[in-house]
Structure formats: structure tokens, C-alpha cells
């Protein structure tokens, strides 16, 4: 009766075990990698969709014809329809989104208004209510400081895109200061702030508002930022745009290697490309689009 294994048998057993172990390790590694890629893909999908949703909500409440594109260091704003090479998009936010019903109508009494005297009468609009809303939003308000501006526009980006400095009397008369409009439109919008979206690669990364966020230099370029609470008609720019930086900033998304906004058939198409590397240098990429009417 044999009581042991021969050396050949032991070697063959060890060899077979090693081959099986390598195969199992490779299979386990592949399963783990697929799981990690799926997890990253889900994260990128949620993050990019959330960013697009936030931008689209803000753009939905934009002043029509106010969406522009430009690059840092070049103050020339180009309408979004022609801004193919611009890295930053910017638009004016409607002040009316903060007003209650009955505080502000947005319409003009055409019979009483006249551009000859630079006067616009607006029914169902209350001067005190507008002032109180602006004070609650900004902490203070003064007509003389041009904290509020007026833009004539229609429902579908029609009208005059010029920004007018104004004051208001108790009898609902809006008085234009500076350059008065040459034409009075039936509808107008009040604007009290601006928004801008840009990647870290396209802004001044040494600005105090950016450094205060404490973002790693390795991820800063591919971070998508939202800038808000500044007024371009007063010469203000968002806080990362030196000089005159006065606005606030928040992070919309990370791992963003491209962001684009295009005007197509009277709609704005937002595109965002995300990219993240997993173990072994394998990249996971995701692209999403959203249309804003």
C-alpha cells in the first residue's frame, strides 16, 4: 500500500493549482474592474446630469438675448449664436423670479409711455415692493447705484438687448438714465444679477474666491464652476475675472474635460464631457447634452 505522493505528482499538483489561481485572479480582477467602471460611470452620469439641470434652470430664467460667450482677458461679449470659440458663457438673471404676484407685471402702458421723454409706465408694478425684495436679496438697494437694470425683450429672445439704467417713481413711471431706448416695447424685464459658467482651465486660478475653495491643483483644470451675484452693467465681473471681481462661486461638477453651449434653432444646447481614470490607467468617459428653450 502506497503511503505518499511522488515528487512528480506533487509538482503536477502545484502546477495545476498555480494555473487555476492565476486564472481565478484574472477573472476576479476583471470582475472588480468592471464593477469599478460601472460605479464610476454611474457617478459621472449623476454628476453631469445634476450640473446640466442646474445650469438649465438658471438659463430658463434668463433675460432673453442676454446669453453671451467670451474668454478671460477679452472683454468682448459675443452673442451665444456666434460664440463658437468662447470658453465662458454668461447671462443676465431675471429679478422678477424673486417678486410676488402683483409686485411686478413686466408690461408697458404703450399709451402713456414715450421714448421722447425716456419714460415708461408699467401697470400692476409696485415701487416699494420691488425695493423691499431687492433689500431682502442683496441687503441694500439704491436706484442711483444702478443695482437694478432694464432690458426690453419678448418671449422668444426678441426685442432690444441693450441694458438700460433706470429709476422709478411712485406712480409707476420708470425713468431711463444714461442712454435712453429709441423704441419702447410692450414687454420688459428687470435684471439684478448675472451668471457665468466656466471650467477651471479657462479662468484665473489665482483669484481669492478660487483658492479659498481649496481644490487640488490636479483637479482644478477639470472643475466646472458657476459664478453668480454680480452686475456687468455696473462694470462688475465674476470673482475669478480680475479686476473688479465681486461675485460668488460654487462648484458644479468635477472631472469635466469639456463644456460647450451652442444656439441651435432658437434653443441653447448644453454639452458636457466627463472623464475619470480607473486602476491601470483605463479611462471612463461620458458625454451628455441638454436643450434649454
Protein backbone atom coordinates (compact mmCIF):
# COMPACT_ATOMS: atom_id res chain seq x y z
CA UNK A 1 0.00 0.00 0.00
CA UNK A 2 1.42 3.41 -1.05
CA UNK A 3 1.56 5.95 1.80
CA UNK A 4 2.68 9.15 -0.03
CA UNK A 5 2.92 11.09 -3.26
CA UNK A 6 5.76 11.04 -5.64
CA UNK A 7 7.68 14.21 -6.45
CA UNK A 8 6.21 14.23 -9.95
CA UNK A 9 2.68 14.12 -8.56
CA UNK A 10 3.40 16.97 -6.16
CA UNK A 11 4.91 19.10 -8.93
CA UNK A 12 1.95 18.46 -11.23
CA UNK A 13 -0.50 19.30 -8.42
CA UNK A 14 1.31 22.54 -7.58
CA UNK A 15 1.45 23.49 -11.26
CA UNK A 16 -2.27 22.88 -11.76
CA UNK A 17 -3.08 24.82 -8.58
CA UNK A 18 -0.93 27.72 -9.76
CA UNK A 19 -2.60 27.81 -13.16
CA UNK A 20 -6.05 27.77 -11.55
CA UNK A 21 -5.03 30.51 -9.10
CA UNK A 22 -3.78 32.76 -11.89
CA UNK A 23 -6.97 32.22 -13.85
CA UNK A 24 -9.13 32.92 -10.82
CA UNK A 25 -7.11 36.05 -10.01
CA UNK A 26 -7.50 37.35 -13.57
CA UNK A 27 -11.23 36.65 -13.50
CA UNK A 28 -11.62 38.32 -10.11
CA UNK A 29 -9.60 41.32 -11.31
CA UNK A 30 -11.78 41.65 -14.41
CA UNK A 31 -14.96 41.47 -12.32
CA UNK A 32 -13.60 44.07 -9.88
CA UNK A 33 -12.57 46.37 -12.73
CA UNK A 34 -15.97 46.11 -14.39
CA UNK A 35 -17.65 46.85 -11.08
CA UNK A 36 -15.41 49.86 -10.51
CA UNK A 37 -16.05 51.17 -14.03
CA UNK A 38 -19.80 50.78 -13.56
CA UNK A 39 -19.64 52.65 -10.26
CA UNK A 40 -17.60 55.49 -11.80
CA UNK A 41 -19.90 55.64 -14.84
CA UNK A 42 -22.91 55.99 -12.54
CA UNK A 43 -21.20 58.74 -10.56
CA UNK A 44 -20.22 60.64 -13.71
CA UNK A 45 -23.75 60.29 -15.07
CA UNK A 46 -25.35 61.66 -11.89
CA UNK A 47 -22.83 64.50 -11.51
CA UNK A 48 -23.04 65.63 -15.15
CA UNK A 49 -26.85 65.43 -15.21
CA UNK A 50 -27.07 67.42 -11.98
CA UNK A 51 -24.78 70.12 -13.40
CA UNK A 52 -26.78 70.34 -16.64
CA UNK A 53 -30.05 70.54 -14.69
CA UNK A 54 -28.76 73.38 -12.51
CA UNK A 55 -27.50 75.37 -15.49
CA UNK A 56 -30.71 74.79 -17.47
CA UNK A 57 -32.89 76.02 -14.57
CA UNK A 58 -30.87 79.23 -14.32
CA UNK A 59 -30.90 79.68 -18.10
CA UNK A 60 -34.65 79.14 -18.19
CA UNK A 61 -34.97 82.27 -16.02
CA UNK A 62 -32.58 84.28 -18.18
CA UNK A 63 -33.27 87.65 -19.73
CA UNK A 64 -33.84 86.82 -23.41
CA UNK A 65 -31.00 87.79 -25.75
CA UNK A 66 -28.60 88.17 -22.81
CA UNK A 67 -26.58 84.94 -23.22
CA UNK A 68 -23.04 85.74 -24.36
CA UNK A 69 -19.71 83.99 -24.68
CA UNK A 70 -16.23 85.35 -24.08
CA UNK A 71 -12.73 84.41 -22.96
CA UNK A 72 -10.75 85.56 -19.94
CA UNK A 73 -8.82 88.71 -20.70
CA UNK A 74 -11.02 89.60 -23.68
CA UNK A 75 -13.94 91.77 -22.51
CA UNK A 76 -15.75 91.49 -25.86
CA UNK A 77 -19.04 89.67 -25.30
CA UNK A 78 -20.30 87.71 -28.31
CA UNK A 79 -23.93 86.55 -28.62
CA UNK A 80 -24.21 82.83 -27.96
CA UNK A 81 -25.34 82.21 -31.54
CA UNK A 82 -21.90 83.29 -32.78
CA UNK A 83 -19.73 82.41 -29.77
CA UNK A 84 -18.17 79.25 -31.21
CA UNK A 85 -14.68 79.79 -29.76
CA UNK A 86 -15.59 81.28 -26.38
CA UNK A 87 -14.69 79.47 -23.17
CA UNK A 88 -17.08 81.24 -20.77
CA UNK A 89 -20.85 81.68 -21.10
CA UNK A 90 -22.62 84.49 -19.27
CA UNK A 91 -26.24 85.66 -19.00
CA UNK A 92 -28.43 88.06 -17.04
CA UNK A 93 -30.78 86.69 -14.39
CA UNK A 94 -34.35 87.97 -14.14
CA UNK A 95 -35.08 89.90 -10.97
CA UNK A 96 -38.76 89.02 -11.44
CA UNK A 97 -38.17 85.46 -10.24
CA UNK A 98 -37.92 86.92 -6.71
CA UNK A 99 -41.06 89.06 -6.89
CA UNK A 100 -44.51 88.06 -5.72
CA UNK A 101 -47.60 88.25 -7.89
CA UNK A 102 -48.81 91.83 -8.05
CA UNK A 103 -45.37 93.32 -7.34
CA UNK A 104 -44.25 93.40 -10.95
CA UNK A 105 -46.06 92.92 -14.26
CA UNK A 106 -43.29 93.23 -16.86
CA UNK A 107 -45.65 95.00 -19.26
CA UNK A 108 -45.77 98.57 -20.57
CA UNK A 109 -48.65 101.01 -20.89
CA UNK A 110 -47.94 101.98 -24.50
CA UNK A 111 -50.39 104.90 -24.47
CA UNK A 112 -48.63 106.73 -21.64
CA UNK A 113 -45.01 105.67 -22.33
CA UNK A 114 -42.75 107.59 -24.70
CA UNK A 115 -39.11 107.35 -25.66
CA UNK A 116 -39.01 111.11 -26.33
CA UNK A 117 -39.05 111.79 -22.58
CA UNK A 118 -37.35 108.48 -21.69
CA UNK A 119 -40.36 107.47 -19.59
CA UNK A 120 -42.01 104.08 -19.31
CA UNK A 121 -45.25 103.42 -17.42
CA UNK A 122 -45.77 99.88 -16.15
CA UNK A 123 -49.16 98.79 -14.73
CA UNK A 124 -49.51 96.49 -11.71
CA UNK A 125 -45.95 97.18 -10.62
CA UNK A 126 -45.23 98.45 -7.11
CA UNK A 127 -42.10 100.53 -6.44
CA UNK A 128 -42.00 99.76 -2.71
CA UNK A 129 -42.40 96.01 -3.25
CA UNK A 130 -39.52 95.98 -5.75
CA UNK A 131 -37.29 97.87 -3.34
CA UNK A 132 -38.15 95.59 -0.39
CA UNK A 133 -37.45 92.46 -2.47
CA UNK A 134 -34.07 93.81 -3.58
CA UNK A 135 -33.15 94.73 0.00
CA UNK A 136 -34.08 91.22 1.18
CA UNK A 137 -31.99 89.69 -1.61
CA UNK A 138 -28.90 91.92 -1.52
CA UNK A 139 -29.02 93.51 1.94
CA UNK A 140 -29.39 97.02 0.49
CA UNK A 141 -30.77 98.76 -2.57
CA UNK A 142 -30.40 102.15 -4.23
CA UNK A 143 -31.79 103.17 -7.62
CA UNK A 144 -28.95 105.66 -8.04
CA UNK A 145 -26.36 102.87 -7.80
CA UNK A 146 -27.80 101.04 -10.83
CA UNK A 147 -28.44 97.96 -8.72
CA UNK A 148 -31.36 97.18 -11.00
CA UNK A 149 -31.39 97.41 -14.79
CA UNK A 150 -33.98 97.03 -17.55
CA UNK A 151 -33.85 95.00 -20.75
CA UNK A 152 -36.54 95.09 -23.45
CA UNK A 153 -37.28 91.63 -24.79
CA UNK A 154 -40.06 89.42 -25.99
CA UNK A 155 -40.93 85.85 -25.10
CA UNK A 156 -38.63 84.17 -27.60
CA UNK A 157 -35.45 86.24 -27.42
CA UNK A 158 -36.98 89.09 -29.40
CA UNK A 159 -36.54 92.80 -28.76
CA UNK A 160 -33.71 95.12 -27.87
CA UNK A 161 -30.86 93.53 -25.90
CA UNK A 162 -29.48 96.86 -24.65
CA UNK A 163 -29.24 97.22 -20.86
CA UNK A 164 -30.75 100.47 -19.51
CA UNK A 165 -30.10 102.17 -16.20
CA UNK A 166 -33.34 103.28 -14.60
CA UNK A 167 -35.12 104.85 -11.62
CA UNK A 168 -38.79 104.56 -10.64
CA UNK A 169 -41.42 106.94 -9.30
CA UNK A 170 -44.36 106.15 -7.05
CA UNK A 171 -46.81 106.48 -9.96
CA UNK A 172 -45.24 103.52 -11.80
CA UNK A 173 -43.11 105.64 -14.10
CA UNK A 174 -39.69 104.19 -14.92
CA UNK A 175 -37.24 106.91 -15.88
CA UNK A 176 -34.26 105.98 -18.02
CA UNK A 177 -30.87 107.42 -17.15
CA UNK A 178 -27.83 107.44 -19.38
CA UNK A 179 -28.67 106.20 -22.89
CA UNK A 180 -32.45 106.02 -23.28
CA UNK A 181 -34.02 103.49 -25.68
CA UNK A 182 -35.02 104.67 -29.14
CA UNK A 183 -38.01 102.33 -29.11
CA UNK A 184 -40.44 101.32 -26.38
CA UNK A 185 -41.50 97.66 -26.41
CA UNK A 186 -44.64 96.24 -24.86
CA UNK A 187 -42.72 93.90 -22.61
CA UNK A 188 -39.61 94.42 -20.50
CA UNK A 189 -37.50 92.53 -17.96
CA UNK A 190 -35.79 93.75 -14.83
CA UNK A 191 -32.40 92.18 -14.16
CA UNK A 192 -30.44 92.32 -10.93
CA UNK A 193 -27.63 89.79 -11.35
CA UNK A 194 -25.60 87.77 -13.82
CA UNK A 195 -24.39 84.20 -14.05
CA UNK A 196 -21.38 82.64 -15.73
CA UNK A 197 -20.18 79.05 -16.24
CA UNK A 198 -16.57 78.09 -16.98
CA UNK A 199 -14.01 75.35 -16.39
CA UNK A 200 -11.03 75.95 -14.13
CA UNK A 201 -8.73 75.75 -17.16
CA UNK A 202 -10.33 78.91 -18.59
CA UNK A 203 -10.36 81.23 -15.55
CA UNK A 204 -7.87 82.98 -13.29
CA UNK A 205 -6.94 80.20 -10.86
CA UNK A 206 -5.11 82.63 -8.55
CA UNK A 207 -8.28 84.58 -7.70
CA UNK A 208 -9.08 84.57 -3.99
CA UNK A 209 -12.53 83.04 -4.48
CA UNK A 210 -10.98 80.06 -6.26
CA UNK A 211 -8.07 79.48 -3.89
CA UNK A 212 -10.48 79.69 -0.93
CA UNK A 213 -12.21 76.54 -2.19
CA UNK A 214 -9.06 74.52 -1.55
CA UNK A 215 -9.29 72.48 -4.73
CA UNK A 216 -6.34 70.23 -5.58
CA UNK A 217 -4.22 71.63 -8.44
CA UNK A 218 -4.55 68.24 -10.13
CA UNK A 219 -8.33 68.59 -10.43
CA UNK A 220 -8.70 72.37 -10.77
CA UNK A 221 -8.49 72.48 -14.57
CA UNK A 222 -11.33 70.00 -14.97
CA UNK A 223 -13.64 71.56 -12.39
CA UNK A 224 -16.78 73.28 -13.71
CA UNK A 225 -17.69 76.48 -11.83
CA UNK A 226 -20.85 78.57 -11.54
CA UNK A 227 -20.38 82.29 -10.85
CA UNK A 228 -23.24 84.50 -9.65
CA UNK A 229 -24.27 87.69 -7.79
CA UNK A 230 -22.50 90.29 -9.90
CA UNK A 231 -23.77 93.06 -12.24
CA UNK A 232 -21.97 93.60 -15.55
CA UNK A 233 -23.83 96.86 -16.28
CA UNK A 234 -22.04 98.32 -13.24
CA UNK A 235 -18.64 97.19 -14.51
CA UNK A 236 -18.59 94.19 -12.16
CA UNK A 237 -17.30 90.80 -13.24
CA UNK A 238 -17.38 87.40 -11.61
CA UNK A 239 -14.88 86.90 -8.83
CA UNK A 240 -12.40 84.91 -10.90
CA UNK A 241 -12.18 87.60 -13.57
CA UNK A 242 -9.61 90.16 -12.40
CA UNK A 243 -10.09 93.11 -11.94
CA UNK A 244 -13.46 94.18 -10.47
CA UNK A 245 -14.30 90.70 -9.23
CA UNK A 246 -17.29 90.90 -6.89
CA UNK A 247 -19.42 87.78 -7.39
CA UNK A 248 -19.72 84.42 -5.68
CA UNK A 249 -18.66 80.98 -6.92
CA UNK A 250 -19.73 77.37 -6.45
CA UNK A 251 -18.62 74.03 -7.90
CA UNK A 252 -20.98 72.46 -10.41
CA UNK A 253 -19.01 69.31 -11.25
CA UNK A 254 -15.53 67.79 -11.29
CA UNK A 255 -13.77 65.60 -13.88
CA UNK A 256 -15.17 67.81 -16.68
CA UNK A 257 -12.80 67.81 -19.65
CA UNK A 258 -15.11 69.84 -21.96
CA UNK A 259 -18.14 72.12 -21.66
CA UNK A 260 -19.95 73.78 -24.57
CA UNK A 261 -23.05 75.91 -25.13
CA UNK A 262 -24.49 76.44 -28.62
CA UNK A 263 -27.52 78.26 -30.02
CA UNK A 264 -29.38 75.89 -32.35
CA UNK A 265 -32.82 76.72 -33.80
CA UNK A 266 -33.58 79.31 -31.10
CA UNK A 267 -32.65 76.88 -28.33
CA UNK A 268 -29.46 76.59 -26.27
CA UNK A 269 -27.81 73.18 -26.37
CA UNK A 270 -25.54 72.41 -23.42
CA UNK A 271 -22.89 69.69 -23.75
CA UNK A 272 -20.69 68.30 -21.01
CA UNK A 273 -17.93 65.69 -21.34
CA UNK A 274 -16.59 63.92 -18.27
CA UNK A 275 -13.58 61.67 -17.89
CA UNK A 276 -12.16 59.70 -14.98
CA UNK A 277 -9.32 57.19 -14.83
CA UNK A 278 -9.62 53.85 -13.03
CA UNK A 279 -6.93 51.39 -11.97
CA UNK A 280 -4.42 50.57 -14.64
CA UNK A 281 -4.92 53.87 -16.46
CA UNK A 282 -8.17 52.81 -18.12
CA UNK A 283 -10.36 55.90 -18.72
CA UNK A 284 -14.13 56.03 -18.30
CA UNK A 285 -15.75 58.70 -20.50
CA UNK A 286 -19.30 60.04 -20.57
CA UNK A 287 -20.94 62.77 -22.65
CA UNK A 288 -24.34 64.33 -22.07
CA UNK A 289 -26.43 67.05 -23.68
CA UNK A 290 -29.46 69.09 -22.65
CA UNK A 291 -31.57 71.58 -24.58
CA UNK A 292 -32.86 74.76 -22.94
CA UNK A 293 -35.80 76.58 -24.51
